[in-house]
Every structure is written in C-alpha cells, then in structure tokens.
Amino acid sequence: MSAANLLRAAIHAALSNDAALTAALGGARVHDEPPAGAELPYVTLAEGRVNDWSTATEEGEEHLLTLHAWSRQGGHREAQAIAGLVRDVLEGMAPALPGHRLVNLRVTGTETRREAGGKTYRAAIRLRAVTESN
C-alpha cells in the first residue's frame, strides 16, 4: 500500500480514537468524506499532495495534507478549538506505516474563515510529512 494511503488511514485512526476530540465533536465525527446530512461539528480529511522526496540512495515522499474542522457555533471559537485538538493529536503521532518510515510529521499552519452564507466556519489545518521506503 502507498505511504499516502497508510498515512491518511493512520491520521484518521488517531483522530477517531482521541477521547478529547471525540468529546468536543459530540461523537465519532472524523470523516474522509462526511455522510449526507452529517451533524456539525466534524473534521474531514481533505486535500492531499505527494511530492518526490527521494535522494540518490533512498526513496522518499513529501506529503502535504489539509484537514478541515467544521462548525456552526457562532464565531470562530469552536472551529479554532477543534483545530487545536487536532494539532495536539497529530504532533504526538508516530504511526507504523508498513513498508515505510515516517521521518517527520508537523502542522505547518491553520487558517480559520467564515464560509459563504455566514453560518458555517471552517478551520483548515495544514500538515507536512516526509516518509521513506523501508
């Protein structure tokens, strides 16, 4: 399996199994794609990009991922709080990726904004990871 798929699955599992995040979301609300009519707040695994990060002797990949924290609580506060919990989970992550080794994983930034219509808020959490093949 590709490092990108393994990494996304590991991120999904880590977020889904975090008690503080689950409590803040009001249940198991971490989705690769939210189901129709999903209740807010929730977190989605969104865009991903993989770049070649190989050296002359080792195969490697740079993964640029975005997660979204969605909220309808008035203002940015809830979306930002959920993004902070996501960041806490991800910064301590050291998942096993069969056939690959995670060199590093870090949150590179968060952007919060009000969506069109003015009722929904979204915090975009951006990640950078580097993997090498075993």
C-alpha atoms as a PDB file:
ATOM      1  CA  MET A   1       0.000   0.000   0.000  1.00  0.00           C
ATOM      2  CA  SER A   2       1.198   3.531  -0.702  1.00  0.00           C
ATOM      3  CA  ALA A   3       2.634   5.657   2.073  1.00  0.00           C
ATOM      4  CA  ALA A   4      -0.003   8.316   1.307  1.00  0.00           C
ATOM      5  CA  ASN A   5      -2.895   5.904   1.924  1.00  0.00           C
ATOM      6  CA  LEU A   6      -1.270   4.469   5.040  1.00  0.00           C
ATOM      7  CA  LEU A   7      -0.620   7.953   6.415  1.00  0.00           C
ATOM      8  CA  ARG A   8      -4.214   9.102   5.805  1.00  0.00           C
ATOM      9  CA  ALA A   9      -5.540   5.940   7.473  1.00  0.00           C
ATOM     10  CA  ALA A  10      -3.222   6.460  10.469  1.00  0.00           C
ATOM     11  CA  ILE A  11      -4.308  10.099  10.825  1.00  0.00           C
ATOM     12  CA  HIS A  12      -7.975   9.115  10.610  1.00  0.00           C
ATOM     13  CA  ALA A  13      -7.497   6.404  13.250  1.00  0.00           C
ATOM     14  CA  ALA A  14      -5.553   8.665  15.617  1.00  0.00           C
ATOM     15  CA  LEU A  15      -8.157  11.426  15.420  1.00  0.00           C
ATOM     16  CA  SER A  16     -11.081   8.980  15.702  1.00  0.00           C
ATOM     17  CA  ASN A  17      -9.584   7.362  18.805  1.00  0.00           C
ATOM     18  CA  ASP A  18      -8.796  10.574  20.687  1.00  0.00           C
ATOM     19  CA  ALA A  19     -11.191  10.994  23.626  1.00  0.00           C
ATOM     20  CA  ALA A  20     -10.849  14.787  23.920  1.00  0.00           C
ATOM     21  CA  LEU A  21     -11.504  15.340  20.211  1.00  0.00           C
ATOM     22  CA  THR A  22     -14.435  12.907  20.179  1.00  0.00           C
ATOM     23  CA  ALA A  23     -15.958  14.715  23.175  1.00  0.00           C
ATOM     24  CA  ALA A  24     -15.528  18.130  21.521  1.00  0.00           C
ATOM     25  CA  LEU A  25     -17.168  16.850  18.341  1.00  0.00           C
ATOM     26  CA  GLY A  26     -20.040  15.244  20.245  1.00  0.00           C
ATOM     27  CA  GLY A  27     -19.256  11.771  18.923  1.00  0.00           C
ATOM     28  CA  ALA A  28     -17.360   9.905  16.219  1.00  0.00           C
ATOM     29  CA  ARG A  29     -17.285  12.681  13.632  1.00  0.00           C
ATOM     30  CA  VAL A  30     -13.996  12.337  11.777  1.00  0.00           C
ATOM     31  CA  HIS A  31     -14.709  11.657   8.103  1.00  0.00           C
ATOM     32  CA  ASP A  32     -12.794  11.098   4.907  1.00  0.00           C
ATOM     33  CA  GLU A  33     -15.997  12.314   3.282  1.00  0.00           C
ATOM     34  CA  PRO A  34     -18.874  13.358   5.528  1.00  0.00           C
ATOM     35  CA  PRO A  35     -22.104  11.415   5.091  1.00  0.00           C
ATOM     36  CA  ALA A  36     -25.120  13.268   3.713  1.00  0.00           C
ATOM     37  CA  GLY A  37     -26.674  15.361   6.459  1.00  0.00           C
ATOM     38  CA  ALA A  38     -23.688  14.986   8.793  1.00  0.00           C
ATOM     39  CA  GLU A  39     -24.191  16.834  12.053  1.00  0.00           C
ATOM     40  CA  LEU A  40     -21.725  19.628  12.855  1.00  0.00           C
ATOM     41  CA  PRO A  41     -19.143  19.958  14.248  1.00  0.00           C
ATOM     42  CA  TYR A  42     -16.948  17.457  12.437  1.00  0.00           C
ATOM     43  CA  VAL A  43     -13.471  17.003  10.959  1.00  0.00           C
ATOM     44  CA  THR A  44     -12.720  15.970   7.389  1.00  0.00           C
ATOM     45  CA  LEU A  45      -9.549  14.740   5.733  1.00  0.00           C
ATOM     46  CA  ALA A  46      -9.369  16.946   2.662  1.00  0.00           C
ATOM     47  CA  GLU A  47      -6.757  17.709   0.021  1.00  0.00           C
ATOM     48  CA  GLY A  48      -3.507  15.836  -0.253  1.00  0.00           C
ATOM     49  CA  ARG A  49      -0.443  16.194  -2.429  1.00  0.00           C
ATOM     50  CA  VAL A  50       2.572  13.915  -2.673  1.00  0.00           C
ATOM     51  CA  ASN A  51       5.940  15.089  -3.988  1.00  0.00           C
ATOM     52  CA  ASP A  52       9.016  13.029  -4.735  1.00  0.00           C
ATOM     53  CA  TRP A  53      11.498  13.464  -1.885  1.00  0.00           C
ATOM     54  CA  SER A  54      13.990  10.809  -2.941  1.00  0.00           C
ATOM     55  CA  THR A  55      17.719  11.064  -2.568  1.00  0.00           C
ATOM     56  CA  ALA A  56      20.358   9.355  -4.681  1.00  0.00           C
ATOM     57  CA  THR A  57      20.176   6.323  -2.380  1.00  0.00           C
ATOM     58  CA  GLU A  58      16.697   6.298  -0.775  1.00  0.00           C
ATOM     59  CA  GLU A  59      13.134   6.616  -1.985  1.00  0.00           C
ATOM     60  CA  GLY A  60      11.069   9.193  -0.160  1.00  0.00           C
ATOM     61  CA  GLU A  61       7.923  11.262  -0.387  1.00  0.00           C
ATOM     62  CA  GLU A  62       6.776  14.622   0.963  1.00  0.00           C
ATOM     63  CA  HIS A  63       3.077  14.635   1.891  1.00  0.00           C
ATOM     64  CA  LEU A  64       1.156  17.910   2.093  1.00  0.00           C
ATOM     65  CA  LEU A  65      -2.241  17.324   3.672  1.00  0.00           C
ATOM     66  CA  THR A  66      -5.143  19.507   4.702  1.00  0.00           C
ATOM     67  CA  LEU A  67      -7.778  18.666   7.286  1.00  0.00           C
ATOM     68  CA  HIS A  68     -10.876  20.771   7.926  1.00  0.00           C
ATOM     69  CA  ALA A  69     -12.672  21.406  11.211  1.00  0.00           C
ATOM     70  CA  TRP A  70     -16.269  22.462  10.511  1.00  0.00           C
ATOM     71  CA  SER A  71     -18.534  24.306  12.961  1.00  0.00           C
ATOM     72  CA  ARG A  72     -21.780  26.260  13.134  1.00  0.00           C
ATOM     73  CA  GLN A  73     -21.248  27.674  16.603  1.00  0.00           C
ATOM     74  CA  GLY A  74     -21.418  31.454  16.282  1.00  0.00           C
ATOM     75  CA  GLY A  75     -17.955  32.780  15.583  1.00  0.00           C
ATOM     76  CA  HIS A  76     -14.581  31.171  15.019  1.00  0.00           C
ATOM     77  CA  ARG A  77     -14.094  29.862  18.564  1.00  0.00           C
ATOM     78  CA  GLU A  78     -15.336  26.269  18.163  1.00  0.00           C
ATOM     79  CA  ALA A  79     -13.577  25.696  14.825  1.00  0.00           C
ATOM     80  CA  GLN A  80     -10.327  27.023  16.301  1.00  0.00           C
ATOM     81  CA  ALA A  81     -10.695  24.899  19.443  1.00  0.00           C
ATOM     82  CA  ILE A  82     -11.256  21.753  17.378  1.00  0.00           C
ATOM     83  CA  ALA A  83      -8.264  22.634  15.191  1.00  0.00           C
ATOM     84  CA  GLY A  84      -6.164  22.922  18.355  1.00  0.00           C
ATOM     85  CA  LEU A  85      -7.243  19.448  19.477  1.00  0.00           C
ATOM     86  CA  VAL A  86      -6.427  18.049  16.027  1.00  0.00           C
ATOM     87  CA  ARG A  87      -2.999  19.676  16.230  1.00  0.00           C
ATOM     88  CA  ASP A  88      -2.383  18.131  19.677  1.00  0.00           C
ATOM     89  CA  VAL A  89      -3.171  14.637  18.362  1.00  0.00           C
ATOM     90  CA  LEU A  90      -1.084  14.969  15.218  1.00  0.00           C
ATOM     91  CA  GLU A  91       2.009  16.449  16.827  1.00  0.00           C
ATOM     92  CA  GLY A  92       2.359  13.392  19.068  1.00  0.00           C
ATOM     93  CA  MET A  93       1.743  10.863  16.310  1.00  0.00           C
ATOM     94  CA  ALA A  94       4.281   8.193  15.434  1.00  0.00           C
ATOM     95  CA  PRO A  95       2.283   5.682  13.380  1.00  0.00           C
ATOM     96  CA  ALA A  96       3.600   2.435  11.989  1.00  0.00           C
ATOM     97  CA  LEU A  97       3.447   2.555   8.204  1.00  0.00           C
ATOM     98  CA  PRO A  98       4.226  -0.958   6.888  1.00  0.00           C
ATOM     99  CA  GLY A  99       6.914  -0.760   4.220  1.00  0.00           C
ATOM    100  CA  HIS A 100       7.596   2.889   5.027  1.00  0.00           C
ATOM    101  CA  ARG A 101       9.114   5.002   7.774  1.00  0.00           C
ATOM    102  CA  LEU A 102       7.688   8.325   8.925  1.00  0.00           C
ATOM    103  CA  VAL A 103      10.612  10.761   9.058  1.00  0.00           C
ATOM    104  CA  ASN A 104       8.557  13.646  10.410  1.00  0.00           C
ATOM    105  CA  LEU A 105       5.029  14.976  10.697  1.00  0.00           C
ATOM    106  CA  ARG A 106       4.167  18.515  11.693  1.00  0.00           C
ATOM    107  CA  VAL A 107       1.370  21.008  11.475  1.00  0.00           C
ATOM    108  CA  THR A 108       2.551  23.893   9.320  1.00  0.00           C
ATOM    109  CA  GLY A 109      -0.382  26.238   9.862  1.00  0.00           C
ATOM    110  CA  THR A 110      -4.074  26.791  10.477  1.00  0.00           C
ATOM    111  CA  GLU A 111      -6.443  29.191   8.759  1.00  0.00           C
ATOM    112  CA  THR A 112      -9.979  29.858  10.025  1.00  0.00           C
ATOM    113  CA  ARG A 113     -12.705  31.519   7.997  1.00  0.00           C
ATOM    114  CA  ARG A 114     -16.439  32.013   7.712  1.00  0.00           C
ATOM    115  CA  GLU A 115     -17.937  30.205   4.738  1.00  0.00           C
ATOM    116  CA  ALA A 116     -20.395  31.724   2.255  1.00  0.00           C
ATOM    117  CA  GLY A 117     -23.757  32.232   3.895  1.00  0.00           C
ATOM    118  CA  GLY A 118     -22.170  33.301   7.164  1.00  0.00           C
ATOM    119  CA  LYS A 119     -23.312  30.389   9.360  1.00  0.00           C
ATOM    120  CA  THR A 120     -20.557  27.824   8.912  1.00  0.00           C
ATOM    121  CA  TYR A 121     -16.934  28.220   9.984  1.00  0.00           C
ATOM    122  CA  ARG A 122     -14.009  26.163   8.719  1.00  0.00           C
ATOM    123  CA  ALA A 123     -10.527  25.813  10.117  1.00  0.00           C
ATOM    124  CA  ALA A 124      -8.056  24.428   7.562  1.00  0.00           C
ATOM    125  CA  ILE A 125      -5.223  22.550   9.301  1.00  0.00           C
ATOM    126  CA  ARG A 126      -2.202  22.055   7.041  1.00  0.00           C
ATOM    127  CA  LEU A 127       0.308  19.253   7.581  1.00  0.00           C
ATOM    128  CA  ARG A 128       3.625  18.253   6.151  1.00  0.00           C
ATOM    129  CA  ALA A 129       5.018  14.752   6.480  1.00  0.00           C
ATOM    130  CA  VAL A 130       8.027  13.015   4.984  1.00  0.00           C
ATOM    131  CA  THR A 131       8.219   9.258   4.521  1.00  0.00           C
ATOM    132  CA  GLU A 132      10.939   6.923   3.308  1.00  0.00           C
ATOM    133  CA  SER A 133      10.564   3.428   1.917  1.00  0.00           C
ATOM    134  CA  ASN A 134      11.945   0.567   4.013  1.00  0.00           C
END
